[in-house]
Amino acid sequence: MIMPLTTTRISPDWPCQVKPPGSYDWERSAAKWLRELVPARYAGYPALIRHPVLLARHAQIQVHHEMRVARTALQTARSELPTLGMPESVIEHTIKMYAAEIRQLQYIARSVRAVTEALVAQAAGR
């Protein structure tokens, strides 16, 4: 009997560090990637180690707060950096840096959301 090939369609936001859902050891690769997104002290908590969905939730919160910090830094750069003695060239570079960081964090947030959805679906299927 010939087994049909099945393909798992994954989001374009799916992180390349995480194996596709349903593949061998994909949850472990997801947990490893998610641990890299949270502060090291959280990555060692037993509850977060044992429950990838909980780890994914924490990573979502972490990335959301990092975006808030970067947005605040961007919004206040022009008014606060001159008072710290920063030259205009440094201020412009800093603004570009924060804008790039926000774009990167938005991509990471979409990736975390995709991984979370897959982990939740996997857990519901058990």
Protein backbone atom coordinates (compact mmCIF):
# COMPACT_ATOMS: atom_id res chain seq x y z
CA MET A 1 0.00 0.00 0.00
CA ILE A 2 1.32 3.42 -0.92
CA MET A 3 1.09 5.98 1.84
CA PRO A 4 0.04 9.44 0.67
CA LEU A 5 2.45 12.22 1.36
CA THR A 6 1.17 14.79 3.76
CA THR A 7 2.52 18.24 4.03
CA THR A 8 2.14 20.60 6.88
CA ARG A 9 1.54 24.12 5.75
CA ILE A 10 3.33 26.47 8.05
CA SER A 11 3.12 30.21 8.35
CA PRO A 12 5.71 32.38 6.58
CA ASP A 13 6.40 33.69 10.09
CA TRP A 14 7.40 30.22 11.30
CA PRO A 15 10.92 30.50 12.78
CA CYS A 16 13.57 28.56 10.86
CA GLN A 17 15.02 27.32 14.17
CA VAL A 18 11.84 25.35 14.89
CA LYS A 19 11.03 22.12 13.09
CA PRO A 20 7.62 21.96 11.38
CA PRO A 21 4.71 20.89 13.60
CA GLY A 22 4.18 17.17 13.60
CA SER A 23 7.75 16.37 12.64
CA TYR A 24 10.00 14.37 14.93
CA ASP A 25 11.07 16.34 18.00
CA TRP A 26 9.43 19.57 16.82
CA GLU A 27 8.15 20.45 20.30
CA ARG A 28 11.68 20.21 21.68
CA SER A 29 12.97 22.55 18.97
CA ALA A 30 10.09 24.94 19.73
CA ALA A 31 10.86 24.93 23.45
CA LYS A 32 14.55 25.52 22.80
CA TRP A 33 13.77 28.50 20.57
CA LEU A 34 11.24 29.91 23.03
CA ARG A 35 13.73 29.62 25.93
CA GLU A 36 16.08 31.87 23.97
CA LEU A 37 13.42 34.59 23.98
CA VAL A 38 12.93 34.78 27.73
CA PRO A 39 15.44 35.92 30.34
CA ALA A 40 17.76 33.08 31.37
CA ARG A 41 16.42 32.98 34.92
CA TYR A 42 12.95 32.05 33.58
CA ALA A 43 14.19 29.39 31.20
CA GLY A 44 15.15 27.17 34.13
CA TYR A 45 11.81 27.15 35.94
CA PRO A 46 10.42 23.59 36.03
CA ALA A 47 6.88 24.68 35.05
CA LEU A 48 8.18 26.41 31.95
CA ILE A 49 10.39 23.44 31.09
CA ARG A 50 7.58 20.89 31.45
CA HIS A 51 4.87 22.90 29.72
CA PRO A 52 5.88 24.37 26.34
CA VAL A 53 2.52 26.17 26.02
CA LEU A 54 3.23 28.00 29.28
CA LEU A 55 6.72 28.86 28.01
CA ALA A 56 5.19 30.16 24.76
CA ARG A 57 2.76 32.33 26.73
CA HIS A 58 5.63 33.79 28.73
CA ALA A 59 7.62 34.43 25.54
CA GLN A 60 4.63 36.27 24.05
CA ILE A 61 4.43 38.51 27.12
CA GLN A 62 8.19 39.06 27.10
CA VAL A 63 8.29 40.10 23.44
CA HIS A 64 5.26 42.36 23.92
CA HIS A 65 7.03 44.19 26.76
CA GLU A 66 10.25 44.46 24.76
CA MET A 67 8.26 46.14 21.99
CA ARG A 68 6.79 48.59 24.50
CA VAL A 69 10.28 49.43 25.77
CA ALA A 70 11.66 49.94 22.26
CA ARG A 71 8.67 52.12 21.29
CA THR A 72 9.10 54.25 24.41
CA ALA A 73 12.83 54.61 23.72
CA LEU A 74 12.08 55.59 20.12
CA GLN A 75 9.37 58.09 21.08
CA THR A 76 11.54 59.80 23.69
CA ALA A 77 14.89 59.75 21.88
CA ARG A 78 14.61 63.22 20.31
CA SER A 79 13.61 64.89 23.56
CA GLU A 80 15.79 63.01 26.06
CA LEU A 81 19.02 62.17 24.27
CA PRO A 82 20.08 65.82 23.72
CA THR A 83 19.81 66.41 27.48
CA LEU A 84 22.27 63.53 27.95
CA GLY A 85 24.76 65.28 25.68
CA MET A 86 24.30 62.99 22.69
CA PRO A 87 25.26 64.54 19.33
CA GLU A 88 22.64 64.66 16.57
CA SER A 89 24.41 61.93 14.58
CA VAL A 90 24.18 59.54 17.53
CA ILE A 91 20.52 60.43 18.06
CA GLU A 92 19.70 59.71 14.40
CA HIS A 93 21.55 56.39 14.54
CA THR A 94 19.74 55.49 17.76
CA ILE A 95 16.35 56.28 16.24
CA LYS A 96 17.11 54.03 13.27
CA MET A 97 18.30 51.31 15.65
CA TYR A 98 15.08 51.40 17.68
CA ALA A 99 12.93 51.43 14.53
CA ALA A 100 14.78 48.35 13.23
CA GLU A 101 14.43 46.64 16.61
CA ILE A 102 10.69 47.25 16.63
CA ARG A 103 10.35 45.67 13.17
CA GLN A 104 12.39 42.66 14.33
CA LEU A 105 10.31 42.30 17.48
CA GLN A 106 7.10 42.46 15.44
CA TYR A 107 8.38 39.56 13.33
CA ILE A 108 9.39 37.62 16.44
CA ALA A 109 5.95 38.25 17.97
CA ARG A 110 4.28 36.79 14.86
CA SER A 111 6.64 33.79 15.03
CA VAL A 112 5.89 33.21 18.70
CA ARG A 113 2.17 33.40 17.94
CA ALA A 114 2.53 30.78 15.17
CA VAL A 115 4.50 28.44 17.42
CA THR A 116 2.05 28.96 20.29
CA GLU A 117 -0.90 28.09 18.08
CA ALA A 118 0.83 24.89 16.95
CA LEU A 119 1.72 23.93 20.53
CA VAL A 120 -1.85 24.53 21.70
CA ALA A 121 -3.21 22.46 18.81
CA GLN A 122 -0.74 19.68 19.64
CA ALA A 123 -1.74 19.74 23.31
CA ALA A 124 -5.45 19.68 22.42
CA GLY A 125 -4.87 16.63 20.24
CA ARG A 126 -3.44 14.56 23.07
